[in-house]
């Protein structure tokens, strides 16, 4: 590995004015793509088409749901203990739990990436714009707000391209 390969240049674009928008958004998209969460943040999507991570959280099951002849489980009915499952019921629970654990880990990884994206957005905008996004709890909401506020108009964009 050469000396040049060891040098890492890290450039941060601070979003302050419309002329910063394109570069700034490119860096946010690049970060979101690396973490597989752009479809949860893309400000070009509508609120109806952007993915909502809260709808993707895997649902846990009780041990009782693996019990044969368990019948309908009432909400206030206590769950059984794992040792109360028969061997075949326990095997079904193990197989299900293995899949559930993988789905939960994937969900939590995306959730952490979105939390990091929120922090990244806050850290890379000019302080005077922080009040504009302080009530937005998701990266998508923050990006939509910032897009409305700072995305260049078509005429501004054409002027930038001519320079």
C-alpha atoms as a PDB file:
ATOM      1  CA  UNK A   1       0.000   0.000   0.000  1.00  0.00           C
ATOM      2  CA  UNK A   2       1.455   3.345  -1.050  1.00  0.00           C
ATOM      3  CA  UNK A   3       1.688   6.406   1.121  1.00  0.00           C
ATOM      4  CA  UNK A   4      -1.113   8.083  -0.849  1.00  0.00           C
ATOM      5  CA  UNK A   5      -3.408   5.123  -0.170  1.00  0.00           C
ATOM      6  CA  UNK A   6      -2.991   5.635   3.564  1.00  0.00           C
ATOM      7  CA  UNK A   7      -4.099   9.252   3.430  1.00  0.00           C
ATOM      8  CA  UNK A   8      -7.787   9.731   3.862  1.00  0.00           C
ATOM      9  CA  UNK A   9      -9.316  13.040   3.001  1.00  0.00           C
ATOM     10  CA  UNK A  10     -12.626  13.665   4.678  1.00  0.00           C
ATOM     11  CA  UNK A  11     -14.582  16.618   3.372  1.00  0.00           C
ATOM     12  CA  UNK A  12     -17.709  17.850   5.037  1.00  0.00           C
ATOM     13  CA  UNK A  13     -20.142  20.112   3.273  1.00  0.00           C
ATOM     14  CA  UNK A  14     -22.164  22.282   5.626  1.00  0.00           C
ATOM     15  CA  UNK A  15     -25.629  23.029   4.289  1.00  0.00           C
ATOM     16  CA  UNK A  16     -26.149  26.755   4.636  1.00  0.00           C
ATOM     17  CA  UNK A  17     -27.482  28.054   1.318  1.00  0.00           C
ATOM     18  CA  UNK A  18     -29.108  26.668  -1.842  1.00  0.00           C
ATOM     19  CA  UNK A  19     -25.769  26.368  -3.638  1.00  0.00           C
ATOM     20  CA  UNK A  20     -24.682  23.795  -0.997  1.00  0.00           C
ATOM     21  CA  UNK A  21     -27.732  21.564  -1.466  1.00  0.00           C
ATOM     22  CA  UNK A  22     -26.564  19.288  -4.303  1.00  0.00           C
ATOM     23  CA  UNK A  23     -23.195  18.393  -2.779  1.00  0.00           C
ATOM     24  CA  UNK A  24     -24.615  18.154   0.724  1.00  0.00           C
ATOM     25  CA  UNK A  25     -27.480  15.861  -0.343  1.00  0.00           C
ATOM     26  CA  UNK A  26     -25.080  13.687  -2.366  1.00  0.00           C
ATOM     27  CA  UNK A  27     -23.017  13.057   0.790  1.00  0.00           C
ATOM     28  CA  UNK A  28     -26.131  12.249   2.848  1.00  0.00           C
ATOM     29  CA  UNK A  29     -27.374   9.867   0.121  1.00  0.00           C
ATOM     30  CA  UNK A  30     -23.954   8.229  -0.068  1.00  0.00           C
ATOM     31  CA  UNK A  31     -23.998   7.645   3.685  1.00  0.00           C
ATOM     32  CA  UNK A  32     -27.580   6.336   3.650  1.00  0.00           C
ATOM     33  CA  UNK A  33     -26.819   4.022   0.706  1.00  0.00           C
ATOM     34  CA  UNK A  34     -23.797   2.582   2.538  1.00  0.00           C
ATOM     35  CA  UNK A  35     -26.105   1.731   5.428  1.00  0.00           C
ATOM     36  CA  UNK A  36     -29.005   0.530   3.266  1.00  0.00           C
ATOM     37  CA  UNK A  37     -31.490   3.149   4.470  1.00  0.00           C
ATOM     38  CA  UNK A  38     -31.917   5.630   1.588  1.00  0.00           C
ATOM     39  CA  UNK A  39     -35.418   4.291   0.858  1.00  0.00           C
ATOM     40  CA  UNK A  40     -36.377   5.500   4.372  1.00  0.00           C
ATOM     41  CA  UNK A  41     -34.917   9.015   3.845  1.00  0.00           C
ATOM     42  CA  UNK A  42     -35.187   9.975   0.177  1.00  0.00           C
ATOM     43  CA  UNK A  43     -36.816  13.435   0.131  1.00  0.00           C
ATOM     44  CA  UNK A  44     -37.879  12.926  -3.497  1.00  0.00           C
ATOM     45  CA  UNK A  45     -40.419  10.327  -2.335  1.00  0.00           C
ATOM     46  CA  UNK A  46     -43.859  11.207  -1.039  1.00  0.00           C
ATOM     47  CA  UNK A  47     -44.869  10.499   2.552  1.00  0.00           C
ATOM     48  CA  UNK A  48     -47.003   7.644   1.186  1.00  0.00           C
ATOM     49  CA  UNK A  49     -44.179   6.000  -0.790  1.00  0.00           C
ATOM     50  CA  UNK A  50     -41.202   6.405   1.565  1.00  0.00           C
ATOM     51  CA  UNK A  51     -40.555   3.264   3.616  1.00  0.00           C
ATOM     52  CA  UNK A  52     -41.552   3.446   7.286  1.00  0.00           C
ATOM     53  CA  UNK A  53     -39.258   1.433   9.539  1.00  0.00           C
ATOM     54  CA  UNK A  54     -41.775   1.351  12.381  1.00  0.00           C
ATOM     55  CA  UNK A  55     -43.991  -0.893  10.248  1.00  0.00           C
ATOM     56  CA  UNK A  56     -41.148  -3.379   9.757  1.00  0.00           C
ATOM     57  CA  UNK A  57     -40.360  -4.299  13.357  1.00  0.00           C
ATOM     58  CA  UNK A  58     -40.653  -8.078  13.738  1.00  0.00           C
ATOM     59  CA  UNK A  59     -43.371  -9.187  16.139  1.00  0.00           C
ATOM     60  CA  UNK A  60     -42.359 -11.405  19.031  1.00  0.00           C
ATOM     61  CA  UNK A  61     -44.489 -14.418  19.970  1.00  0.00           C
ATOM     62  CA  UNK A  62     -45.256 -15.867  23.351  1.00  0.00           C
ATOM     63  CA  UNK A  63     -44.259 -19.401  24.292  1.00  0.00           C
ATOM     64  CA  UNK A  64     -47.980 -20.158  24.627  1.00  0.00           C
ATOM     65  CA  UNK A  65     -48.428 -19.549  20.887  1.00  0.00           C
ATOM     66  CA  UNK A  66     -46.286 -22.657  20.208  1.00  0.00           C
ATOM     67  CA  UNK A  67     -48.313 -24.869  22.540  1.00  0.00           C
ATOM     68  CA  UNK A  68     -50.677 -27.332  20.912  1.00  0.00           C
ATOM     69  CA  UNK A  69     -54.272 -26.892  22.031  1.00  0.00           C
ATOM     70  CA  UNK A  70     -53.460 -23.506  23.543  1.00  0.00           C
ATOM     71  CA  UNK A  71     -56.720 -22.096  22.237  1.00  0.00           C
ATOM     72  CA  UNK A  72     -57.292 -18.389  22.078  1.00  0.00           C
ATOM     73  CA  UNK A  73     -54.876 -16.507  24.276  1.00  0.00           C
ATOM     74  CA  UNK A  74     -56.474 -13.685  26.225  1.00  0.00           C
ATOM     75  CA  UNK A  75     -54.368 -10.501  26.542  1.00  0.00           C
ATOM     76  CA  UNK A  76     -54.374 -10.671  30.350  1.00  0.00           C
ATOM     77  CA  UNK A  77     -53.535 -14.385  30.420  1.00  0.00           C
ATOM     78  CA  UNK A  78     -49.965 -14.975  31.622  1.00  0.00           C
ATOM     79  CA  UNK A  79     -47.549 -16.660  29.261  1.00  0.00           C
ATOM     80  CA  UNK A  80     -46.239 -20.122  29.998  1.00  0.00           C
ATOM     81  CA  UNK A  81     -42.590 -20.885  30.698  1.00  0.00           C
ATOM     82  CA  UNK A  82     -40.349 -22.376  28.021  1.00  0.00           C
ATOM     83  CA  UNK A  83     -39.954 -25.622  29.987  1.00  0.00           C
ATOM     84  CA  UNK A  84     -43.712 -26.193  29.637  1.00  0.00           C
ATOM     85  CA  UNK A  85     -43.318 -26.808  25.894  1.00  0.00           C
ATOM     86  CA  UNK A  86     -43.151 -30.373  24.597  1.00  0.00           C
ATOM     87  CA  UNK A  87     -40.065 -31.338  22.566  1.00  0.00           C
ATOM     88  CA  UNK A  88     -41.729 -30.802  19.169  1.00  0.00           C
ATOM     89  CA  UNK A  89     -43.235 -27.488  20.340  1.00  0.00           C
ATOM     90  CA  UNK A  90     -39.831 -26.392  21.599  1.00  0.00           C
ATOM     91  CA  UNK A  91     -38.308 -27.330  18.225  1.00  0.00           C
ATOM     92  CA  UNK A  92     -40.872 -25.157  16.426  1.00  0.00           C
ATOM     93  CA  UNK A  93     -40.121 -22.294  18.825  1.00  0.00           C
ATOM     94  CA  UNK A  94     -36.349 -22.685  18.235  1.00  0.00           C
ATOM     95  CA  UNK A  95     -36.737 -22.570  14.445  1.00  0.00           C
ATOM     96  CA  UNK A  96     -39.073 -19.582  14.655  1.00  0.00           C
ATOM     97  CA  UNK A  97     -36.827 -17.788  17.182  1.00  0.00           C
ATOM     98  CA  UNK A  98     -33.758 -18.240  14.982  1.00  0.00           C
ATOM     99  CA  UNK A  99     -35.530 -16.510  12.086  1.00  0.00           C
ATOM    100  CA  UNK A 100     -37.004 -13.859  14.411  1.00  0.00           C
ATOM    101  CA  UNK A 101     -33.582 -13.062  15.924  1.00  0.00           C
ATOM    102  CA  UNK A 102     -32.119 -12.514  12.440  1.00  0.00           C
ATOM    103  CA  UNK A 103     -34.990 -10.249  11.408  1.00  0.00           C
ATOM    104  CA  UNK A 104     -34.753  -8.313  14.684  1.00  0.00           C
ATOM    105  CA  UNK A 105     -30.990  -7.820  14.290  1.00  0.00           C
ATOM    106  CA  UNK A 106     -31.496  -6.522  10.738  1.00  0.00           C
ATOM    107  CA  UNK A 107     -34.269  -4.181  11.900  1.00  0.00           C
ATOM    108  CA  UNK A 108     -32.157  -2.844  14.780  1.00  0.00           C
ATOM    109  CA  UNK A 109     -29.208  -2.265  12.436  1.00  0.00           C
ATOM    110  CA  UNK A 110     -31.391  -0.167  10.108  1.00  0.00           C
ATOM    111  CA  UNK A 111     -32.875   1.653  13.108  1.00  0.00           C
ATOM    112  CA  UNK A 112     -29.366   2.555  14.360  1.00  0.00           C
ATOM    113  CA  UNK A 113     -28.383   3.694  10.854  1.00  0.00           C
ATOM    114  CA  UNK A 114     -31.421   5.989  10.723  1.00  0.00           C
ATOM    115  CA  UNK A 115     -30.590   7.420  14.155  1.00  0.00           C
ATOM    116  CA  UNK A 116     -27.050   8.063  12.924  1.00  0.00           C
ATOM    117  CA  UNK A 117     -28.461   9.715   9.786  1.00  0.00           C
ATOM    118  CA  UNK A 118     -30.502  12.042  12.014  1.00  0.00           C
ATOM    119  CA  UNK A 119     -27.335  13.001  13.901  1.00  0.00           C
ATOM    120  CA  UNK A 120     -25.418  13.443  10.647  1.00  0.00           C
ATOM    121  CA  UNK A 121     -28.066  15.791   9.263  1.00  0.00           C
ATOM    122  CA  UNK A 122     -28.019  17.874  12.453  1.00  0.00           C
ATOM    123  CA  UNK A 123     -24.221  18.066  12.503  1.00  0.00           C
ATOM    124  CA  UNK A 124     -23.883  19.110   8.867  1.00  0.00           C
ATOM    125  CA  UNK A 125     -26.311  21.992   8.587  1.00  0.00           C
ATOM    126  CA  UNK A 126     -25.635  25.596   9.505  1.00  0.00           C
ATOM    127  CA  UNK A 127     -26.719  26.309  13.071  1.00  0.00           C
ATOM    128  CA  UNK A 128     -29.219  28.896  11.893  1.00  0.00           C
ATOM    129  CA  UNK A 129     -31.245  26.108  10.223  1.00  0.00           C
ATOM    130  CA  UNK A 130     -31.458  23.821  13.262  1.00  0.00           C
ATOM    131  CA  UNK A 131     -34.707  25.385  14.456  1.00  0.00           C
ATOM    132  CA  UNK A 132     -36.249  24.469  11.096  1.00  0.00           C
ATOM    133  CA  UNK A 133     -35.805  20.746  11.767  1.00  0.00           C
ATOM    134  CA  UNK A 134     -36.070  20.590  15.551  1.00  0.00           C
ATOM    135  CA  UNK A 135     -39.607  19.175  15.424  1.00  0.00           C
ATOM    136  CA  UNK A 136     -38.754  16.589  12.742  1.00  0.00           C
ATOM    137  CA  UNK A 137     -37.993  13.215  14.297  1.00  0.00           C
ATOM    138  CA  UNK A 138     -37.016  11.212  11.207  1.00  0.00           C
ATOM    139  CA  UNK A 139     -34.300  11.694   8.594  1.00  0.00           C
ATOM    140  CA  UNK A 140     -37.015  11.773   5.916  1.00  0.00           C
ATOM    141  CA  UNK A 141     -38.916  14.589   7.647  1.00  0.00           C
ATOM    142  CA  UNK A 142     -35.699  16.555   8.177  1.00  0.00           C
ATOM    143  CA  UNK A 143     -34.608  16.156   4.555  1.00  0.00           C
ATOM    144  CA  UNK A 144     -38.035  17.179   3.250  1.00  0.00           C
ATOM    145  CA  UNK A 145     -37.979  20.295   5.448  1.00  0.00           C
ATOM    146  CA  UNK A 146     -34.451  21.193   4.357  1.00  0.00           C
ATOM    147  CA  UNK A 147     -35.312  20.542   0.715  1.00  0.00           C
ATOM    148  CA  UNK A 148     -38.229  22.996   0.911  1.00  0.00           C
ATOM    149  CA  UNK A 149     -36.001  25.533   2.614  1.00  0.00           C
ATOM    150  CA  UNK A 150     -32.708  25.159   0.746  1.00  0.00           C
ATOM    151  CA  UNK A 151     -33.054  23.186  -2.469  1.00  0.00           C
ATOM    152  CA  UNK A 152     -32.197  25.478  -5.382  1.00  0.00           C
ATOM    153  CA  UNK A 153     -34.950  26.402  -7.792  1.00  0.00           C
ATOM    154  CA  UNK A 154     -34.645  25.285 -11.418  1.00  0.00           C
ATOM    155  CA  UNK A 155     -33.420  28.718 -12.506  1.00  0.00           C
ATOM    156  CA  UNK A 156     -30.796  28.761  -9.735  1.00  0.00           C
ATOM    157  CA  UNK A 157     -29.683  25.269 -10.757  1.00  0.00           C
ATOM    158  CA  UNK A 158     -29.312  26.264 -14.420  1.00  0.00           C
ATOM    159  CA  UNK A 159     -27.243  29.274 -13.362  1.00  0.00           C
ATOM    160  CA  UNK A 160     -24.982  27.011 -11.245  1.00  0.00           C
ATOM    161  CA  UNK A 161     -24.421  24.691 -14.204  1.00  0.00           C
ATOM    162  CA  UNK A 162     -23.432  27.600 -16.434  1.00  0.00           C
ATOM    163  CA  UNK A 163     -20.729  28.767 -14.014  1.00  0.00           C
END
